[in-house]
PDB file of N, CA and C in Angstrom:
ATOM      1  N   MET A   1      92.260 112.489  71.891  1.00  0.00           N
ATOM      2  CA  MET A   1      91.058 112.722  72.660  1.00  0.00           C
ATOM      3  C   MET A   1      91.026 111.754  73.852  1.00  0.00           C
ATOM      4  N   ILE A   2      90.688 112.262  75.009  1.00  0.00           N
ATOM      5  CA  ILE A   2      90.580 111.450  76.216  1.00  0.00           C
ATOM      6  C   ILE A   2      89.145 110.981  76.359  1.00  0.00           C
ATOM      7  N   LYS A   3      88.983 109.667  76.523  1.00  0.00           N
ATOM      8  CA  LYS A   3      87.638 109.115  76.681  1.00  0.00           C
ATOM      9  C   LYS A   3      87.087 109.502  78.046  1.00  0.00           C
ATOM     10  N   GLN A   4      85.866 109.979  78.061  1.00  0.00           N
ATOM     11  CA  GLN A   4      85.194 110.372  79.298  1.00  0.00           C
ATOM     12  C   GLN A   4      84.219 109.275  79.716  1.00  0.00           C
ATOM     13  N   PHE A   5      84.183 108.974  80.988  1.00  0.00           N
ATOM     14  CA  PHE A   5      83.267 107.975  81.526  1.00  0.00           C
ATOM     15  C   PHE A   5      82.307 108.630  82.498  1.00  0.00           C
ATOM     16  N   SER A   6      81.130 108.095  82.570  1.00  0.00           N
ATOM     17  CA  SER A   6      80.176 108.487  83.604  1.00  0.00           C
ATOM     18  C   SER A   6      80.036 107.301  84.549  1.00  0.00           C
ATOM     19  N   THR A   7      79.296 107.464  85.626  1.00  0.00           N
ATOM     20  CA  THR A   7      79.106 106.350  86.555  1.00  0.00           C
ATOM     21  C   THR A   7      78.327 105.211  85.919  1.00  0.00           C
ATOM     22  N   GLN A   8      77.624 105.472  84.831  1.00  0.00           N
ATOM     23  CA  GLN A   8      76.852 104.426  84.164  1.00  0.00           C
ATOM     24  C   GLN A   8      77.696 103.595  83.197  1.00  0.00           C
ATOM     25  N   ASN A   9      78.816 104.126  82.706  1.00  0.00           N
ATOM     26  CA  ASN A   9      79.575 103.375  81.711  1.00  0.00           C
ATOM     27  C   ASN A   9      81.063 103.227  82.031  1.00  0.00           C
ATOM     28  N   SER A  10      81.474 103.519  83.239  1.00  0.00           N
ATOM     29  CA  SER A  10      82.893 103.409  83.575  1.00  0.00           C
ATOM     30  C   SER A  10      83.269 101.956  83.851  1.00  0.00           C
ATOM     31  N   PRO A  11      84.537 101.593  83.587  1.00  0.00           N
ATOM     32  CA  PRO A  11      85.008 100.261  83.945  1.00  0.00           C
ATOM     33  C   PRO A  11      84.958 100.096  85.465  1.00  0.00           C
ATOM     34  N   VAL A  12      84.822  98.860  85.918  1.00  0.00           N
ATOM     35  CA  VAL A  12      84.708  98.567  87.348  1.00  0.00           C
ATOM     36  C   VAL A  12      86.019  97.972  87.847  1.00  0.00           C
ATOM     37  N   ALA A  13      86.539  98.527  88.949  1.00  0.00           N
ATOM     38  CA  ALA A  13      87.751  98.020  89.592  1.00  0.00           C
ATOM     39  C   ALA A  13      87.382  97.500  90.972  1.00  0.00           C
ATOM     40  N   PHE A  14      87.756  96.259  91.259  1.00  0.00           N
ATOM     41  CA  PHE A  14      87.580  95.679  92.590  1.00  0.00           C
ATOM     42  C   PHE A  14      88.917  95.728  93.313  1.00  0.00           C
ATOM     43  N   VAL A  15      88.899  96.139  94.566  1.00  0.00           N
ATOM     44  CA  VAL A  15      90.082  96.098  95.421  1.00  0.00           C
ATOM     45  C   VAL A  15      89.805  95.076  96.511  1.00  0.00           C
ATOM     46  N   ASP A  16      90.667  94.067  96.615  1.00  0.00           N
ATOM     47  CA  ASP A  16      90.480  92.969  97.565  1.00  0.00           C
ATOM     48  C   ASP A  16      90.406  93.502  98.993  1.00  0.00           C
ATOM     49  N   ALA A  17      89.332  93.140  99.698  1.00  0.00           N
ATOM     50  CA  ALA A  17      89.155  93.564 101.092  1.00  0.00           C
ATOM     51  C   ALA A  17      88.830  92.379 101.990  1.00  0.00           C
ATOM     52  N   THR A  18      89.133  91.159 101.544  1.00  0.00           N
ATOM     53  CA  THR A  18      88.724  89.979 102.310  1.00  0.00           C
ATOM     54  C   THR A  18      89.868  89.178 102.904  1.00  0.00           C
ATOM     55  N   HIS A  19      91.088  89.532 102.635  1.00  0.00           N
ATOM     56  CA  HIS A  19      92.202  88.706 103.088  1.00  0.00           C
ATOM     57  C   HIS A  19      93.026  89.372 104.185  1.00  0.00           C
ATOM     58  N   ASN A  20      92.381  90.143 105.051  1.00  0.00           N
ATOM     59  CA  ASN A  20      93.055  90.820 106.165  1.00  0.00           C
ATOM     60  C   ASN A  20      94.236  91.668 105.693  1.00  0.00           C
ATOM     61  N   ASN A  21      94.079  92.278 104.522  1.00  0.00           N
ATOM     62  CA  ASN A  21      95.126  93.137 103.980  1.00  0.00           C
ATOM     63  C   ASN A  21      95.199  94.441 104.771  1.00  0.00           C
ATOM     64  N   PHE A  22      96.394  94.956 104.946  1.00  0.00           N
ATOM     65  CA  PHE A  22      96.496  96.289 105.548  1.00  0.00           C
ATOM     66  C   PHE A  22      96.398  97.360 104.472  1.00  0.00           C
ATOM     67  N   LEU A  23      96.436  96.963 103.205  1.00  0.00           N
ATOM     68  CA  LEU A  23      96.230  97.891 102.094  1.00  0.00           C
ATOM     69  C   LEU A  23      94.765  97.831 101.685  1.00  0.00           C
ATOM     70  N   MET A  24      93.961  98.755 102.209  1.00  0.00           N
ATOM     71  CA  MET A  24      92.532  98.774 101.926  1.00  0.00           C
ATOM     72  C   MET A  24      92.123 100.177 101.489  1.00  0.00           C
ATOM     73  N   LEU A  25      90.978 100.261 100.814  1.00  0.00           N
ATOM     74  CA  LEU A  25      90.510 101.553 100.303  1.00  0.00           C
ATOM     75  C   LEU A  25      90.310 102.589 101.397  1.00  0.00           C
ATOM     76  N   GLY A  26      89.946 102.163 102.588  1.00  0.00           N
ATOM     77  CA  GLY A  26      89.732 103.099 103.676  1.00  0.00           C
ATOM     78  C   GLY A  26      90.984 103.382 104.477  1.00  0.00           C
ATOM     79  N   GLY A  27      92.116 102.855 104.038  1.00  0.00           N
ATOM     80  CA  GLY A  27      93.370 103.038 104.761  1.00  0.00           C
ATOM     81  C   GLY A  27      94.477 103.490 103.831  1.00  0.00           C
ATOM     82  N   ARG A  28      95.501 102.660 103.744  1.00  0.00           N
ATOM     83  CA  ARG A  28      96.679 103.029 102.952  1.00  0.00           C
ATOM     84  C   ARG A  28      96.405 103.152 101.456  1.00  0.00           C
ATOM     85  N   TYR A  29      95.343 102.528 100.961  1.00  0.00           N
ATOM     86  CA  TYR A  29      95.002 102.631  99.536  1.00  0.00           C
ATOM     87  C   TYR A  29      94.089 103.815  99.234  1.00  0.00           C
ATOM     88  N   THR A  30      93.808 104.664 100.208  1.00  0.00           N
ATOM     89  CA  THR A  30      92.916 105.800  99.965  1.00  0.00           C
ATOM     90  C   THR A  30      93.395 106.667  98.800  1.00  0.00           C
ATOM     91  N   PRO A  31      94.663 107.092  98.740  1.00  0.00           N
ATOM     92  CA  PRO A  31      95.097 107.906  97.596  1.00  0.00           C
ATOM     93  C   PRO A  31      94.983 107.147  96.268  1.00  0.00           C
ATOM     94  N   PHE A  32      95.325 105.861  96.278  1.00  0.00           N
ATOM     95  CA  PHE A  32      95.214 105.038  95.076  1.00  0.00           C
ATOM     96  C   PHE A  32      93.758 104.946  94.629  1.00  0.00           C
ATOM     97  N   GLY A  33      92.845 104.745  95.567  1.00  0.00           N
ATOM     98  CA  GLY A  33      91.421 104.693  95.250  1.00  0.00           C
ATOM     99  C   GLY A  33      90.917 106.002  94.678  1.00  0.00           C
ATOM    100  N   GLN A  34      91.420 107.111  95.191  1.00  0.00           N
ATOM    101  CA  GLN A  34      91.004 108.421  94.679  1.00  0.00           C
ATOM    102  C   GLN A  34      91.455 108.614  93.234  1.00  0.00           C
ATOM    103  N   VAL A  35      92.651 108.163  92.911  1.00  0.00           N
ATOM    104  CA  VAL A  35      93.134 108.253  91.531  1.00  0.00           C
ATOM    105  C   VAL A  35      92.303 107.349  90.628  1.00  0.00           C
ATOM    106  N   LEU A  36      92.021 106.130  91.077  1.00  0.00           N
ATOM    107  CA  LEU A  36      91.203 105.214  90.277  1.00  0.00           C
ATOM    108  C   LEU A  36      89.827 105.790  89.984  1.00  0.00           C
ATOM    109  N   LYS A  37      89.263 106.504  90.940  1.00  0.00           N
ATOM    110  CA  LYS A  37      87.910 107.051  90.771  1.00  0.00           C
ATOM    111  C   LYS A  37      87.827 108.091  89.657  1.00  0.00           C
ATOM    112  N   ALA A  38      88.966 108.547  89.158  1.00  0.00           N
ATOM    113  CA  ALA A  38      88.956 109.490  88.040  1.00  0.00           C
ATOM    114  C   ALA A  38      88.464 108.831  86.757  1.00  0.00           C
ATOM    115  N   GLY A  39      88.496 107.501  86.682  1.00  0.00           N
ATOM    116  CA  GLY A  39      88.048 106.837  85.467  1.00  0.00           C
ATOM    117  C   GLY A  39      87.363 105.508  85.684  1.00  0.00           C
ATOM    118  N   TYR A  40      87.339 105.040  86.931  1.00  0.00           N
ATOM    119  CA  TYR A  40      86.764 103.738  87.246  1.00  0.00           C
ATOM    120  C   TYR A  40      85.678 103.872  88.305  1.00  0.00           C
ATOM    121  N   THR A  41      84.781 102.918  88.315  1.00  0.00           N
ATOM    122  CA  THR A  41      83.903 102.730  89.459  1.00  0.00           C
ATOM    123  C   THR A  41      84.661 101.793  90.383  1.00  0.00           C
ATOM    124  N   VAL A  42      84.995 102.244  91.580  1.00  0.00           N
ATOM    125  CA  VAL A  42      85.859 101.496  92.493  1.00  0.00           C
ATOM    126  C   VAL A  42      85.015 100.883  93.600  1.00  0.00           C
ATOM    127  N   ASN A  43      85.188  99.578  93.812  1.00  0.00           N
ATOM    128  CA  ASN A  43      84.459  98.859  94.854  1.00  0.00           C
ATOM    129  C   ASN A  43      85.422  98.023  95.673  1.00  0.00           C
ATOM    130  N   ALA A  44      85.220  97.999  96.984  1.00  0.00           N
ATOM    131  CA  ALA A  44      85.936  97.058  97.832  1.00  0.00           C
ATOM    132  C   ALA A  44      85.291  95.697  97.616  1.00  0.00           C
ATOM    133  N   SER A  45      86.102  94.696  97.328  1.00  0.00           N
ATOM    134  CA  SER A  45      85.593  93.356  97.069  1.00  0.00           C
ATOM    135  C   SER A  45      85.556  92.580  98.376  1.00  0.00           C
ATOM    136  N   ASN A  46      84.352  92.390  98.910  1.00  0.00           N
ATOM    137  CA  ASN A  46      84.173  91.677 100.169  1.00  0.00           C
ATOM    138  C   ASN A  46      83.694  90.248  99.962  1.00  0.00           C
ATOM    139  N   SER A  47      83.660  89.793  98.728  1.00  0.00           N
ATOM    140  CA  SER A  47      83.186  88.450  98.406  1.00  0.00           C
ATOM    141  C   SER A  47      84.356  87.558  98.021  1.00  0.00           C
ATOM    142  N   ARG A  48      84.114  86.254  98.082  1.00  0.00           N
ATOM    143  CA  ARG A  48      85.122  85.307  97.619  1.00  0.00           C
ATOM    144  C   ARG A  48      85.359  85.531  96.136  1.00  0.00           C
ATOM    145  N   PHE A  49      86.575  85.306  95.712  1.00  0.00           N
ATOM    146  CA  PHE A  49      86.904  85.456  94.297  1.00  0.00           C
ATOM    147  C   PHE A  49      86.456  84.212  93.544  1.00  0.00           C
ATOM    148  N   THR A  50      85.252  84.248  93.038  1.00  0.00           N
ATOM    149  CA  THR A  50      84.733  83.188  92.181  1.00  0.00           C
ATOM    150  C   THR A  50      84.677  83.740  90.763  1.00  0.00           C
ATOM    151  N   LEU A  51      84.520  82.867  89.801  1.00  0.00           N
ATOM    152  CA  LEU A  51      84.432  83.322  88.418  1.00  0.00           C
ATOM    153  C   LEU A  51      83.258  84.276  88.231  1.00  0.00           C
ATOM    154  N   ALA A  52      82.114  83.940  88.815  1.00  0.00           N
ATOM    155  CA  ALA A  52      80.930  84.804  88.685  1.00  0.00           C
ATOM    156  C   ALA A  52      81.189  86.187  89.286  1.00  0.00           C
ATOM    157  N   HIS A  53      81.864  86.225  90.423  1.00  0.00           N
ATOM    158  CA  HIS A  53      82.173  87.507  91.071  1.00  0.00           C
ATOM    159  C   HIS A  53      83.152  88.320  90.221  1.00  0.00           C
ATOM    160  N   LEU A  54      84.194  87.678  89.743  1.00  0.00           N
ATOM    161  CA  LEU A  54      85.215  88.383  88.974  1.00  0.00           C
ATOM    162  C   LEU A  54      84.706  88.857  87.622  1.00  0.00           C
ATOM    163  N   GLU A  55      83.706  88.196  87.078  1.00  0.00           N
ATOM    164  CA  GLU A  55      83.145  88.634  85.799  1.00  0.00           C
ATOM    165  C   GLU A  55      82.456  89.992  85.908  1.00  0.00           C
ATOM    166  N   ARG A  56      82.154  90.435  87.119  1.00  0.00           N
ATOM    167  CA  ARG A  56      81.517  91.741  87.319  1.00  0.00           C
ATOM    168  C   ARG A  56      82.532  92.880  87.325  1.00  0.00           C
ATOM    169  N   ALA A  57      83.818  92.552  87.309  1.00  0.00           N
ATOM    170  CA  ALA A  57      84.867  93.577  87.353  1.00  0.00           C
ATOM    171  C   ALA A  57      85.651  93.592  86.049  1.00  0.00           C
ATOM    172  N   ASP A  58      86.179  94.751  85.728  1.00  0.00           N
ATOM    173  CA  ASP A  58      87.070  94.869  84.582  1.00  0.00           C
ATOM    174  C   ASP A  58      88.526  94.713  85.001  1.00  0.00           C
ATOM    175  N   ILE A  59      88.813  95.031  86.266  1.00  0.00           N
ATOM    176  CA  ILE A  59      90.169  94.927  86.792  1.00  0.00           C
ATOM    177  C   ILE A  59      90.075  94.677  88.296  1.00  0.00           C
ATOM    178  N   THR A  60      91.025  93.909  88.852  1.00  0.00           N
ATOM    179  CA  THR A  60      91.045  93.644  90.294  1.00  0.00           C
ATOM    180  C   THR A  60      92.431  93.949  90.851  1.00  0.00           C
ATOM    181  N   PHE A  61      92.443  94.367  92.126  1.00  0.00           N
ATOM    182  CA  PHE A  61      93.692  94.651  92.836  1.00  0.00           C
ATOM    183  C   PHE A  61      93.671  93.922  94.149  1.00  0.00           C
TER     184      PHE A  61
END
């Protein structure tokens, strides 16, 4: 059985958007972000990577 997630209970994935990366959700990572959205809530991480910030995510890229 495949576990189904809704927007209220899906794991959260942060994609780093603060280090002048050319791999961003709105660019080259668009296809990757679309695949992630099949099971994750995907957010561009525009904040510094602190422990408090990272605790809000289940996975980071």
